[in-house]
Amino acid sequence: MAEHKAGFVNIIGNPNVGKSTLMNAFVGEKLSIITSKAQTTRHRILGIVNGDDFQVILSDTPGIIKPAYELQASMMDFVKSAFEDADILLYMVEIGEKALKDEKFFEKIGNSKIPVLLLLNKIDGASQELLEEQVQYWQEMLPTVEIHPISALQNFNVKEVFERILELLPESPPYYPKDQLTDKPERFFVNEIIREKILLHYKKEIPYAVEVETEEFLEDDDIIRMRAVIMVERDSQKGIIIGHKGSALKRVGVEARKDLERFFGKQVHIELYVKVNKNWRSDARQLRRFGYNT
C-alpha cells in the first residue's frame, strides 16, 4: 500500500495575529470568523484538508490572554489542549511582536518535542530591513524553531508552509472520513456567522457579552429554516442589539443570511431573537451548555 500521512497541526498565538485567516486559507473554506477585534475565536475549531495520501487536521485556537472571567479561562483550556495533541505546532506572530502574553505558553514552545514552525505574519506591510531584524530576533529567542515569513491575507508563502507541513506529518491512516471538512456541526457555523456580524457592527463590550444559540435548523431540498437566539448579559445590551425599531438586529439578520446561503449553497430563512441571560460568561453551567470546558 502507498504511504499515507495524517496528523494534527495546531495554530497558536496572541489575539488578532491572523490565525483564523491562515486556517481558512489552508482549508479553502471560511470556517473561522475573522474580524479586526481581538478574541474573535472562542472555541477550538478543526478544519480538515484531505489529499489522496494525506490528511491534515488543522486547529484554530483562541488568542492567548490572561483570563479575567470563566469564559476566558475556558478559551485558554482550548489552547492548552492544542499543545497536548499536536503533531506539528504553528506558532504565529506578526511583524513587530515580541512575545506571547503568557510566559508559560512561551516556555512550552521553546521546550517543545514536536516540530514548531514560527510563522511571521503580515510581512506585506514591512520593509526588508524590518523583516530581517524580526527573523533574527526570533532566531535568538527560539533557536529550535523553523521561521517562515508569510502573509496569510495575501496568501504569500502559505502554499510553501503547507508543503513543509506535509513533509513533517507522521505516517498514519486518516483520523476522519475523507469527505469531512470540520469536526463542528452545522448549527455551530450558524452561531459563528451571526456572532461575526455582531463583532463587526457593535462596539465596546457588546460583542464579548454575546453568545448565539441556534434553536431550530430545518433543512428541505431548496431551503433551510433557522431560528437563533442572541444571548446578552443585561437589558441595556438587549436594547443596543435590537436598535431603533429593530433596525440593528435586522441588519445582522440580512448580512448573516447572505453568508449562510453562501456557506450552505441554498436559500436560507432566518429568524433572530434577543434574550437576557445574566452573567452567562461567569456561569459554569451556562458555559458547559454553550460547549465550553469548565
Protein backbone atom coordinates (compact mmCIF):
# COMPACT_ATOMS: atom_id res chain seq x y z
CA MET A 1 0.00 0.00 0.00
CA ALA A 2 1.12 3.58 -0.66
CA GLU A 3 2.29 5.61 2.32
CA HIS A 4 -0.41 7.76 3.94
CA LYS A 5 0.31 10.67 6.28
CA ALA A 6 -2.03 12.25 8.81
CA GLY A 7 -1.72 14.45 11.85
CA PHE A 8 -2.88 17.36 13.97
CA VAL A 9 -1.44 20.78 13.10
CA ASN A 10 -2.37 23.29 15.78
CA ILE A 11 -2.19 27.07 15.35
CA ILE A 12 -1.45 29.17 18.44
CA GLY A 13 -0.52 32.81 19.06
CA ASN A 14 -1.62 36.10 20.58
CA PRO A 15 -5.04 37.56 19.71
CA ASN A 16 -5.50 39.05 16.25
CA VAL A 17 -2.26 37.82 14.64
CA GLY A 18 -4.08 36.12 11.74
CA LYS A 19 -4.61 32.54 12.96
CA SER A 20 -8.16 32.29 11.58
CA THR A 21 -7.14 33.85 8.25
CA LEU A 22 -4.40 31.23 7.89
CA MET A 23 -6.70 28.37 8.85
CA ASN A 24 -9.26 29.46 6.24
CA ALA A 25 -6.52 29.87 3.60
CA PHE A 26 -5.33 26.29 4.21
CA VAL A 27 -8.83 24.78 4.24
CA GLY A 28 -10.22 26.87 1.37
CA GLU A 29 -13.42 27.45 3.35
CA LYS A 30 -14.45 30.14 5.82
CA LEU A 31 -14.62 28.02 8.97
CA SER A 32 -13.21 30.55 11.46
CA ILE A 33 -14.66 34.03 11.76
CA ILE A 34 -12.31 36.90 11.03
CA THR A 35 -12.64 40.45 12.32
CA SER A 36 -10.25 43.17 13.41
CA LYS A 37 -11.35 42.69 17.03
CA ALA A 38 -9.30 40.60 19.46
CA GLN A 39 -10.72 37.39 20.99
CA THR A 40 -12.88 36.65 17.95
CA THR A 41 -12.24 32.88 18.17
CA ARG A 42 -13.68 31.34 21.33
CA HIS A 43 -13.62 27.63 20.55
CA ARG A 44 -11.07 25.27 19.12
CA ILE A 45 -12.18 24.69 15.53
CA LEU A 46 -10.86 21.85 13.36
CA GLY A 47 -10.50 22.24 9.60
CA ILE A 48 -9.63 19.09 7.66
CA VAL A 49 -7.62 19.14 4.41
CA ASN A 50 -7.61 15.83 2.52
CA GLY A 51 -5.46 14.53 -0.31
CA ASP A 52 -5.03 11.05 -1.80
CA ASP A 53 -2.11 10.30 0.52
CA PHE A 54 -2.59 12.77 3.39
CA GLN A 55 -5.00 14.25 5.90
CA VAL A 56 -4.03 17.49 7.65
CA ILE A 57 -6.21 18.27 10.67
CA LEU A 58 -5.76 21.98 11.35
CA SER A 59 -6.83 23.51 14.62
CA ASP A 60 -7.57 27.21 15.11
CA THR A 61 -7.44 28.27 18.76
CA PRO A 62 -8.39 31.40 20.74
CA GLY A 63 -5.70 34.05 21.07
CA ILE A 64 -3.57 33.67 24.19
CA ILE A 65 -4.60 36.02 27.01
CA LYS A 66 -4.57 36.10 30.81
CA PRO A 67 -8.16 35.12 31.70
CA ALA A 68 -10.35 37.66 33.52
CA TYR A 69 -13.51 35.50 33.85
CA GLU A 70 -14.76 31.92 33.39
CA LEU A 71 -15.36 32.17 29.62
CA GLN A 72 -11.77 33.31 29.01
CA ALA A 73 -10.43 30.56 31.28
CA SER A 74 -12.30 28.02 29.17
CA MET A 75 -10.88 29.60 26.00
CA MET A 76 -7.36 29.11 27.40
CA ASP A 77 -8.16 25.45 28.15
CA PHE A 78 -8.70 25.01 24.39
CA VAL A 79 -5.20 26.46 23.83
CA LYS A 80 -3.66 24.09 26.42
CA SER A 81 -5.28 21.12 24.68
CA ALA A 82 -3.69 22.27 21.41
CA PHE A 83 -0.25 21.64 22.92
CA GLU A 84 -1.23 18.18 24.12
CA ASP A 85 -2.35 16.50 20.88
CA ALA A 86 -0.30 18.35 18.22
CA ASP A 87 1.96 16.55 15.76
CA ILE A 88 3.13 19.95 14.46
CA LEU A 89 2.73 23.33 16.16
CA LEU A 90 2.32 26.56 14.19
CA TYR A 91 3.27 29.50 16.41
CA MET A 92 2.01 32.62 14.70
CA VAL A 93 3.38 36.10 15.39
CA GLU A 94 3.04 39.36 13.50
CA ILE A 95 5.69 41.86 12.48
CA GLY A 96 6.74 43.95 15.48
CA GLU A 97 5.51 41.47 18.09
CA LYS A 98 7.91 40.41 20.85
CA ALA A 99 6.39 37.55 22.85
CA LEU A 100 3.26 35.73 23.96
CA LYS A 101 1.05 37.35 26.57
CA ASP A 102 1.56 34.27 28.78
CA GLU A 103 5.16 33.29 29.61
CA LYS A 104 4.24 29.66 30.45
CA PHE A 105 2.98 29.10 26.91
CA PHE A 106 6.14 30.70 25.55
CA GLU A 107 8.32 28.31 27.57
CA LYS A 108 6.29 25.36 26.24
CA ILE A 109 7.04 26.42 22.66
CA GLY A 110 10.77 26.67 23.36
CA ASN A 111 10.82 23.23 25.03
CA SER A 112 8.54 21.52 22.52
CA LYS A 113 9.48 17.97 21.47
CA ILE A 114 7.45 18.23 18.26
CA PRO A 115 8.26 20.37 15.18
CA VAL A 116 7.39 24.05 15.64
CA LEU A 117 7.04 26.40 12.67
CA LEU A 118 7.12 30.05 13.65
CA LEU A 119 5.05 31.95 11.10
CA LEU A 120 5.97 35.62 10.92
CA ASN A 121 2.73 37.06 9.56
CA LYS A 122 1.65 40.39 7.99
CA ILE A 123 5.01 40.88 6.25
CA ASP A 124 3.31 42.61 3.28
CA GLY A 125 3.44 45.91 5.20
CA ALA A 126 7.06 45.57 6.37
CA SER A 127 10.36 46.76 4.90
CA GLN A 128 13.08 44.24 4.07
CA GLU A 129 15.21 45.70 6.87
CA LEU A 130 12.47 45.22 9.49
CA LEU A 131 11.76 41.70 8.23
CA GLU A 132 15.42 40.69 8.56
CA GLU A 133 15.57 42.25 12.02
CA GLN A 134 12.47 40.31 13.13
CA VAL A 135 13.74 36.99 11.74
CA GLN A 136 17.00 37.47 13.64
CA TYR A 137 15.11 38.37 16.84
CA TRP A 138 13.01 35.19 16.73
CA GLN A 139 16.01 33.02 15.83
CA GLU A 140 17.68 34.23 19.03
CA MET A 141 14.52 33.88 21.14
CA LEU A 142 13.58 30.40 19.85
CA PRO A 143 16.65 28.78 18.25
CA THR A 144 14.96 25.37 17.85
CA VAL A 145 12.02 26.51 15.67
CA GLU A 146 11.76 26.97 11.90
CA ILE A 147 10.89 30.52 10.82
CA HIS A 148 8.65 31.18 7.80
CA PRO A 149 7.71 34.76 6.82
CA ILE A 150 4.15 34.82 5.42
CA SER A 151 1.14 36.96 4.62
CA ALA A 152 -1.95 34.88 5.35
CA LEU A 153 -4.23 37.61 3.98
CA GLN A 154 -2.33 37.90 0.67
CA ASN A 155 -1.69 34.12 0.51
CA PHE A 156 2.08 34.76 0.35
CA ASN A 157 4.19 31.69 1.28
CA VAL A 158 1.06 29.87 2.54
CA LYS A 159 1.44 27.08 -0.05
CA GLU A 160 5.13 26.64 0.87
CA VAL A 161 4.26 26.33 4.57
CA PHE A 162 1.59 23.74 3.74
CA GLU A 163 4.13 21.73 1.72
CA ARG A 164 6.51 21.83 4.70
CA ILE A 165 3.69 20.57 6.93
CA LEU A 166 3.19 17.61 4.57
CA GLU A 167 6.91 16.80 4.82
CA LEU A 168 6.74 16.79 8.63
CA LEU A 169 3.47 14.85 9.02
CA PRO A 170 3.82 11.38 10.55
CA GLU A 171 2.73 8.25 8.70
CA SER A 172 -0.80 7.42 9.77
CA PRO A 173 -4.18 6.36 8.39
CA PRO A 174 -6.77 9.18 8.26
CA TYR A 175 -8.44 10.14 11.54
CA TYR A 176 -11.66 11.38 9.90
CA PRO A 177 -13.68 10.34 6.81
CA LYS A 178 -12.02 11.76 3.70
CA ASP A 179 -15.06 13.86 2.74
CA GLN A 180 -15.27 15.59 6.14
CA LEU A 181 -14.33 19.29 6.32
CA THR A 182 -14.61 20.00 10.06
CA ASP A 183 -15.49 18.45 13.41
CA LYS A 184 -18.22 21.01 14.14
CA PRO A 185 -21.96 20.55 13.43
CA GLU A 186 -23.89 22.85 11.07
CA ARG A 187 -25.53 24.78 13.92
CA PHE A 188 -22.08 25.81 15.21
CA PHE A 189 -21.37 27.66 11.95
CA VAL A 190 -24.77 29.35 12.03
CA ASN A 191 -23.90 30.64 15.53
CA GLU A 192 -20.44 31.79 14.43
CA ILE A 193 -21.65 33.62 11.31
CA ILE A 194 -24.26 35.53 13.35
CA ARG A 195 -21.65 36.30 16.03
CA GLU A 196 -19.26 37.60 13.36
CA LYS A 197 -21.85 40.17 12.24
CA ILE A 198 -22.26 41.30 15.86
CA LEU A 199 -18.48 41.67 16.20
CA LEU A 200 -18.42 43.79 13.05
CA HIS A 201 -21.31 46.12 13.88
CA TYR A 202 -21.27 46.66 17.64
CA LYS A 203 -18.64 48.35 19.77
CA LYS A 204 -17.08 48.15 23.24
CA GLU A 205 -18.28 45.32 25.46
CA ILE A 206 -21.34 44.27 23.42
CA PRO A 207 -19.70 41.61 21.16
CA TYR A 208 -17.95 39.99 24.13
CA ALA A 209 -21.16 39.79 26.17
CA VAL A 210 -22.94 37.91 23.34
CA GLU A 211 -23.45 34.19 22.76
CA VAL A 212 -25.58 32.79 19.94
CA GLU A 213 -27.63 29.59 20.08
CA THR A 214 -29.41 28.09 17.07
CA GLU A 215 -32.62 26.57 18.43
CA GLU A 216 -34.08 25.39 15.12
CA PHE A 217 -32.42 24.12 11.92
CA LEU A 218 -34.86 22.54 9.45
CA GLU A 219 -33.49 21.65 6.03
CA ASP A 220 -35.64 20.97 2.97
CA ASP A 221 -34.46 20.32 -0.61
CA ASP A 222 -34.36 24.00 -1.55
CA ILE A 223 -34.37 25.97 1.74
CA ILE A 224 -33.07 25.86 5.33
CA ARG A 225 -35.24 27.43 8.02
CA MET A 226 -33.38 28.60 11.12
CA ARG A 227 -34.25 30.24 14.40
CA ALA A 228 -31.43 31.60 16.55
CA VAL A 229 -31.28 33.38 19.89
CA ILE A 230 -28.71 36.08 20.63
CA MET A 231 -27.91 35.94 24.34
CA VAL A 232 -26.74 39.07 26.20
CA GLU A 233 -25.98 39.72 29.88
CA ARG A 234 -28.01 42.88 30.55
CA ASP A 235 -31.27 44.56 29.45
CA SER A 236 -29.35 47.61 28.18
CA GLN A 237 -27.33 45.34 25.86
CA LYS A 238 -30.54 43.81 24.53
CA GLY A 239 -31.76 47.27 23.52
CA ILE A 240 -28.49 48.05 21.73
CA ILE A 241 -28.54 44.74 19.81
CA ILE A 242 -32.14 45.34 18.64
CA GLY A 243 -31.62 49.02 17.80
CA HIS A 244 -34.20 51.67 16.92
CA LYS A 245 -37.38 49.90 15.71
CA GLY A 246 -35.34 46.70 15.27
CA SER A 247 -33.04 48.19 12.61
CA ALA A 248 -29.75 46.95 14.08
CA LEU A 249 -30.99 43.39 14.54
CA LYS A 250 -32.45 43.40 11.02
CA ARG A 251 -29.04 44.34 9.58
CA VAL A 252 -27.41 41.44 11.43
CA GLY A 253 -30.07 39.07 10.07
CA VAL A 254 -29.75 40.25 6.46
CA GLU A 255 -25.95 40.02 6.42
CA ALA A 256 -25.91 36.66 8.23
CA ARG A 257 -28.46 35.22 5.80
CA LYS A 258 -26.28 36.15 2.80
CA ASP A 259 -23.24 34.44 4.32
CA LEU A 260 -25.26 31.40 5.38
CA GLU A 261 -26.64 30.99 1.85
CA ARG A 262 -23.08 31.02 0.51
CA PHE A 263 -21.92 28.58 3.20
CA PHE A 264 -24.74 26.05 2.73
CA GLY A 265 -25.28 26.60 -1.01
CA LYS A 266 -29.05 27.05 -0.75
CA GLN A 267 -31.74 29.52 0.26
CA VAL A 268 -31.93 30.39 3.97
CA HIS A 269 -34.77 31.81 6.07
CA ILE A 270 -33.58 33.01 9.47
CA GLU A 271 -35.39 34.42 12.49
CA LEU A 272 -33.37 36.17 15.22
CA TYR A 273 -34.41 36.83 18.81
CA VAL A 274 -32.58 38.52 21.69
CA LYS A 275 -32.71 37.26 25.30
CA VAL A 276 -31.06 38.37 28.53
CA ASN A 277 -29.05 35.60 30.21
CA LYS A 278 -27.47 37.36 33.20
CA ASN A 279 -23.72 36.85 33.75
CA TRP A 280 -23.53 33.79 31.47
CA ARG A 281 -19.77 34.37 30.94
CA SER A 282 -19.10 33.58 34.61
CA ASP A 283 -21.63 30.73 34.99
CA ALA A 284 -20.01 27.27 34.64
CA ARG A 285 -23.36 25.57 33.93
CA GLN A 286 -24.21 28.02 31.14
CA LEU A 287 -20.72 27.75 29.66
CA ARG A 288 -20.98 23.94 29.51
CA ARG A 289 -24.30 24.33 27.72
CA PHE A 290 -22.59 26.51 25.08
CA GLY A 291 -19.79 23.96 24.55
CA TYR A 292 -17.01 25.45 26.68
CA ASN A 293 -14.80 23.42 29.03
CA THR A 294 -15.40 24.27 32.68
